[in-house]
Amino acid sequence: MNEITHLAHSWVTESHHPTSEGVVLYQRCSCGVRRIALVAPECPTVWPEIAAKAG
């Protein structure tokens, strides 16, 4: 049987800075995964938890 395991990441923003495209966030999870996210001001918020942390 094939099972799909969904991992819920707990993202922590290590740093962020504004750019001409929006706010860039550098994030990590306690499991070791990292991501770079962009919160664009003119776009609807896809990840509201990221936008909240970006201020």
PDB file of N, CA and C in Angstrom:
ATOM      1  N   MET A   1       0.833  -1.173   0.000  1.00  0.00           N
ATOM      2  CA  MET A   1       0.000   0.000   0.000  1.00  0.00           C
ATOM      3  C   MET A   1       0.888   1.250   0.000  1.00  0.00           C
ATOM      4  N   ASN A   2       0.568   2.210  -0.857  1.00  0.00           N
ATOM      5  CA  ASN A   2       1.321   3.453  -0.907  1.00  0.00           C
ATOM      6  C   ASN A   2       0.691   4.469   0.031  1.00  0.00           C
ATOM      7  N   GLU A   3       1.506   5.032   0.877  1.00  0.00           N
ATOM      8  CA  GLU A   3       1.024   6.050   1.800  1.00  0.00           C
ATOM      9  C   GLU A   3       1.736   7.353   1.515  1.00  0.00           C
ATOM     10  N   ILE A   4       0.992   8.418   1.515  1.00  0.00           N
ATOM     11  CA  ILE A   4       1.581   9.742   1.351  1.00  0.00           C
ATOM     12  C   ILE A   4       1.685  10.356   2.734  1.00  0.00           C
ATOM     13  N   THR A   5       2.892  10.725   3.104  1.00  0.00           N
ATOM     14  CA  THR A   5       3.117  11.332   4.409  1.00  0.00           C
ATOM     15  C   THR A   5       3.222  12.838   4.230  1.00  0.00           C
ATOM     16  N   HIS A   6       2.401  13.558   4.937  1.00  0.00           N
ATOM     17  CA  HIS A   6       2.431  15.017   4.888  1.00  0.00           C
ATOM     18  C   HIS A   6       3.206  15.521   6.100  1.00  0.00           C
ATOM     19  N   LEU A   7       4.271  16.254   5.835  1.00  0.00           N
ATOM     20  CA  LEU A   7       5.058  16.836   6.917  1.00  0.00           C
ATOM     21  C   LEU A   7       4.635  18.285   7.102  1.00  0.00           C
ATOM     22  N   ALA A   8       4.262  18.625   8.294  1.00  0.00           N
ATOM     23  CA  ALA A   8       3.926  20.008   8.609  1.00  0.00           C
ATOM     24  C   ALA A   8       5.188  20.695   9.101  1.00  0.00           C
ATOM     25  N   HIS A   9       5.680  21.614   8.301  1.00  0.00           N
ATOM     26  CA  HIS A   9       6.891  22.335   8.687  1.00  0.00           C
ATOM     27  C   HIS A   9       6.545  23.458   9.659  1.00  0.00           C
ATOM     28  N   SER A  10       7.473  23.752  10.510  1.00  0.00           N
ATOM     29  CA  SER A  10       7.345  24.860  11.440  1.00  0.00           C
ATOM     30  C   SER A  10       8.412  25.881  11.056  1.00  0.00           C
ATOM     31  N   TRP A  11       8.039  26.838  10.214  1.00  0.00           N
ATOM     32  CA  TRP A  11       9.005  27.769   9.645  1.00  0.00           C
ATOM     33  C   TRP A  11       9.383  28.878  10.614  1.00  0.00           C
ATOM     34  N   VAL A  12      10.679  29.155  10.677  1.00  0.00           N
ATOM     35  CA  VAL A  12      11.227  30.258  11.468  1.00  0.00           C
ATOM     36  C   VAL A  12      11.971  31.160  10.495  1.00  0.00           C
ATOM     37  N   THR A  13      11.671  32.445  10.523  1.00  0.00           N
ATOM     38  CA  THR A  13      12.352  33.388   9.642  1.00  0.00           C
ATOM     39  C   THR A  13      13.688  33.762  10.269  1.00  0.00           C
ATOM     40  N   GLU A  14      14.770  33.433   9.552  1.00  0.00           N
ATOM     41  CA  GLU A  14      16.115  33.766  10.041  1.00  0.00           C
ATOM     42  C   GLU A  14      16.480  35.199   9.693  1.00  0.00           C
ATOM     43  N   SER A  15      16.056  35.649   8.517  1.00  0.00           N
ATOM     44  CA  SER A  15      16.285  37.032   8.118  1.00  0.00           C
ATOM     45  C   SER A  15      15.314  37.393   7.007  1.00  0.00           C
ATOM     46  N   HIS A  16      15.141  38.680   6.800  1.00  0.00           N
ATOM     47  CA  HIS A  16      14.292  39.168   5.715  1.00  0.00           C
ATOM     48  C   HIS A  16      14.765  40.554   5.314  1.00  0.00           C
ATOM     49  N   HIS A  17      14.483  40.904   4.063  1.00  0.00           N
ATOM     50  CA  HIS A  17      14.814  42.245   3.605  1.00  0.00           C
ATOM     51  C   HIS A  17      13.914  42.638   2.437  1.00  0.00           C
ATOM     52  N   PRO A  18      13.646  43.939   2.319  1.00  0.00           N
ATOM     53  CA  PRO A  18      12.810  44.414   1.220  1.00  0.00           C
ATOM     54  C   PRO A  18      13.599  44.433  -0.088  1.00  0.00           C
ATOM     55  N   THR A  19      12.917  44.142  -1.168  1.00  0.00           N
ATOM     56  CA  THR A  19      13.492  44.235  -2.511  1.00  0.00           C
ATOM     57  C   THR A  19      12.474  44.959  -3.388  1.00  0.00           C
ATOM     58  N   SER A  20      12.826  45.189  -4.637  1.00  0.00           N
ATOM     59  CA  SER A  20      11.891  45.833  -5.562  1.00  0.00           C
ATOM     60  C   SER A  20      10.692  44.939  -5.868  1.00  0.00           C
ATOM     61  N   GLU A  21      10.814  43.645  -5.607  1.00  0.00           N
ATOM     62  CA  GLU A  21       9.739  42.685  -5.880  1.00  0.00           C
ATOM     63  C   GLU A  21       8.869  42.402  -4.661  1.00  0.00           C
ATOM     64  N   GLY A  22       9.287  42.840  -3.495  1.00  0.00           N
ATOM     65  CA  GLY A  22       8.561  42.563  -2.254  1.00  0.00           C
ATOM     66  C   GLY A  22       9.554  42.251  -1.144  1.00  0.00           C
ATOM     67  N   VAL A  23       9.108  41.537  -0.126  1.00  0.00           N
ATOM     68  CA  VAL A  23       9.975  41.173   0.995  1.00  0.00           C
ATOM     69  C   VAL A  23      10.451  39.734   0.801  1.00  0.00           C
ATOM     70  N   VAL A  24      11.774  39.542   0.832  1.00  0.00           N
ATOM     71  CA  VAL A  24      12.363  38.210   0.717  1.00  0.00           C
ATOM     72  C   VAL A  24      12.624  37.689   2.123  1.00  0.00           C
ATOM     73  N   LEU A  25      12.179  36.450   2.378  1.00  0.00           N
ATOM     74  CA  LEU A  25      12.361  35.826   3.685  1.00  0.00           C
ATOM     75  C   LEU A  25      13.238  34.593   3.544  1.00  0.00           C
ATOM     76  N   TYR A  26      14.204  34.450   4.417  1.00  0.00           N
ATOM     77  CA  TYR A  26      15.040  33.249   4.480  1.00  0.00           C
ATOM     78  C   TYR A  26      14.583  32.483   5.711  1.00  0.00           C
ATOM     79  N   GLN A  27      14.056  31.282   5.487  1.00  0.00           N
ATOM     80  CA  GLN A  27      13.437  30.536   6.574  1.00  0.00           C
ATOM     81  C   GLN A  27      14.019  29.137   6.704  1.00  0.00           C
ATOM     82  N   ARG A  28      13.872  28.582   7.912  1.00  0.00           N
ATOM     83  CA  ARG A  28      14.296  27.207   8.160  1.00  0.00           C
ATOM     84  C   ARG A  28      13.257  26.523   9.031  1.00  0.00           C
ATOM     85  N   CYS A  29      13.249  25.198   8.938  1.00  0.00           N
ATOM     86  CA  CYS A  29      12.378  24.369   9.763  1.00  0.00           C
ATOM     87  C   CYS A  29      13.275  23.586  10.717  1.00  0.00           C
ATOM     88  N   SER A  30      12.726  23.152  11.827  1.00  0.00           N
ATOM     89  CA  SER A  30      13.516  22.386  12.795  1.00  0.00           C
ATOM     90  C   SER A  30      13.993  21.053  12.219  1.00  0.00           C
ATOM     91  N   CYS A  31      13.363  20.583  11.130  1.00  0.00           N
ATOM     92  CA  CYS A  31      13.789  19.326  10.505  1.00  0.00           C
ATOM     93  C   CYS A  31      15.018  19.521   9.618  1.00  0.00           C
ATOM     94  N   GLY A  32      15.452  20.781   9.420  1.00  0.00           N
ATOM     95  CA  GLY A  32      16.642  21.050   8.625  1.00  0.00           C
ATOM     96  C   GLY A  32      16.368  21.613   7.240  1.00  0.00           C
ATOM     97  N   VAL A  33      15.125  21.593   6.798  1.00  0.00           N
ATOM     98  CA  VAL A  33      14.772  22.118   5.481  1.00  0.00           C
ATOM     99  C   VAL A  33      14.798  23.637   5.531  1.00  0.00           C
ATOM    100  N   ARG A  34      15.260  24.239   4.448  1.00  0.00           N
ATOM    101  CA  ARG A  34      15.286  25.699   4.335  1.00  0.00           C
ATOM    102  C   ARG A  34      14.495  26.117   3.107  1.00  0.00           C
ATOM    103  N   ARG A  35      14.007  27.350   3.133  1.00  0.00           N
ATOM    104  CA  ARG A  35      13.326  27.888   1.958  1.00  0.00           C
ATOM    105  C   ARG A  35      13.534  29.393   1.898  1.00  0.00           C
ATOM    106  N   ILE A  36      13.371  29.911   0.697  1.00  0.00           N
ATOM    107  CA  ILE A  36      13.378  31.347   0.463  1.00  0.00           C
ATOM    108  C   ILE A  36      11.988  31.682  -0.052  1.00  0.00           C
ATOM    109  N   ALA A  37      11.337  32.631   0.580  1.00  0.00           N
ATOM    110  CA  ALA A  37       9.978  32.999   0.193  1.00  0.00           C
ATOM    111  C   ALA A  37       9.936  34.475  -0.165  1.00  0.00           C
ATOM    112  N   LEU A  38       9.045  34.815  -1.068  1.00  0.00           N
ATOM    113  CA  LEU A  38       8.837  36.202  -1.465  1.00  0.00           C
ATOM    114  C   LEU A  38       7.404  36.585  -1.142  1.00  0.00           C
ATOM    115  N   VAL A  39       7.243  37.677  -0.421  1.00  0.00           N
ATOM    116  CA  VAL A  39       5.916  38.217  -0.152  1.00  0.00           C
ATOM    117  C   VAL A  39       5.802  39.489  -0.981  1.00  0.00           C
ATOM    118  N   ALA A  40       5.083  39.389  -2.097  1.00  0.00           N
ATOM    119  CA  ALA A  40       4.923  40.522  -3.003  1.00  0.00           C
ATOM    120  C   ALA A  40       3.753  41.389  -2.539  1.00  0.00           C
ATOM    121  N   PRO A  41       3.929  42.698  -2.484  1.00  0.00           N
ATOM    122  CA  PRO A  41       2.879  43.566  -1.949  1.00  0.00           C
ATOM    123  C   PRO A  41       1.612  43.607  -2.800  1.00  0.00           C
ATOM    124  N   GLU A  42       1.737  43.427  -4.102  1.00  0.00           N
ATOM    125  CA  GLU A  42       0.566  43.545  -4.967  1.00  0.00           C
ATOM    126  C   GLU A  42      -0.171  42.226  -5.175  1.00  0.00           C
ATOM    127  N   CYS A  43       0.348  41.134  -4.622  1.00  0.00           N
ATOM    128  CA  CYS A  43      -0.268  39.819  -4.805  1.00  0.00           C
ATOM    129  C   CYS A  43      -1.073  39.429  -3.570  1.00  0.00           C
ATOM    130  N   PRO A  44      -2.140  38.660  -3.773  1.00  0.00           N
ATOM    131  CA  PRO A  44      -2.845  38.124  -2.602  1.00  0.00           C
ATOM    132  C   PRO A  44      -1.899  37.255  -1.780  1.00  0.00           C
ATOM    133  N   THR A  45      -2.101  37.213  -0.501  1.00  0.00           N
ATOM    134  CA  THR A  45      -1.228  36.449   0.379  1.00  0.00           C
ATOM    135  C   THR A  45      -1.511  34.960   0.253  1.00  0.00           C
ATOM    136  N   VAL A  46      -0.517  34.222  -0.236  1.00  0.00           N
ATOM    137  CA  VAL A  46      -0.640  32.780  -0.363  1.00  0.00           C
ATOM    138  C   VAL A  46      -0.348  32.132   0.980  1.00  0.00           C
ATOM    139  N   TRP A  47       0.658  32.649   1.671  1.00  0.00           N
ATOM    140  CA  TRP A  47       1.060  32.121   2.971  1.00  0.00           C
ATOM    141  C   TRP A  47       0.871  33.219   4.008  1.00  0.00           C
ATOM    142  N   PRO A  48      -0.310  33.331   4.610  1.00  0.00           N
ATOM    143  CA  PRO A  48      -0.541  34.426   5.558  1.00  0.00           C
ATOM    144  C   PRO A  48       0.420  34.421   6.733  1.00  0.00           C
ATOM    145  N   GLU A  49       0.907  33.236   7.136  1.00  0.00           N
ATOM    146  CA  GLU A  49       1.849  33.187   8.261  1.00  0.00           C
ATOM    147  C   GLU A  49       3.178  33.833   7.895  1.00  0.00           C
ATOM    148  N   ILE A  50       3.561  33.778   6.621  1.00  0.00           N
ATOM    149  CA  ILE A  50       4.797  34.424   6.172  1.00  0.00           C
ATOM    150  C   ILE A  50       4.607  35.937   6.156  1.00  0.00           C
ATOM    151  N   ALA A  51       3.489  36.383   5.617  1.00  0.00           N
ATOM    152  CA  ALA A  51       3.227  37.814   5.549  1.00  0.00           C
ATOM    153  C   ALA A  51       3.190  38.425   6.943  1.00  0.00           C
ATOM    154  N   ALA A  52       2.635  37.714   7.895  1.00  0.00           N
ATOM    155  CA  ALA A  52       2.563  38.216   9.263  1.00  0.00           C
ATOM    156  C   ALA A  52       3.955  38.378   9.861  1.00  0.00           C
ATOM    157  N   LYS A  53       4.854  37.433   9.570  1.00  0.00           N
ATOM    158  CA  LYS A  53       6.215  37.511  10.103  1.00  0.00           C
ATOM    159  C   LYS A  53       7.030  38.582   9.400  1.00  0.00           C
ATOM    160  N   ALA A  54       6.694  38.885   8.141  1.00  0.00           N
ATOM    161  CA  ALA A  54       7.441  39.880   7.378  1.00  0.00           C
ATOM    162  C   ALA A  54       7.106  41.294   7.824  1.00  0.00           C
ATOM    163  N   GLY A  55       5.940  41.459   8.433  1.00  0.00           N
ATOM    164  CA  GLY A  55       5.546  42.778   8.903  1.00  0.00           C
ATOM    165  C   GLY A  55       5.012  43.568   7.781  1.00  0.00           C
TER     166      GLY A  55
END
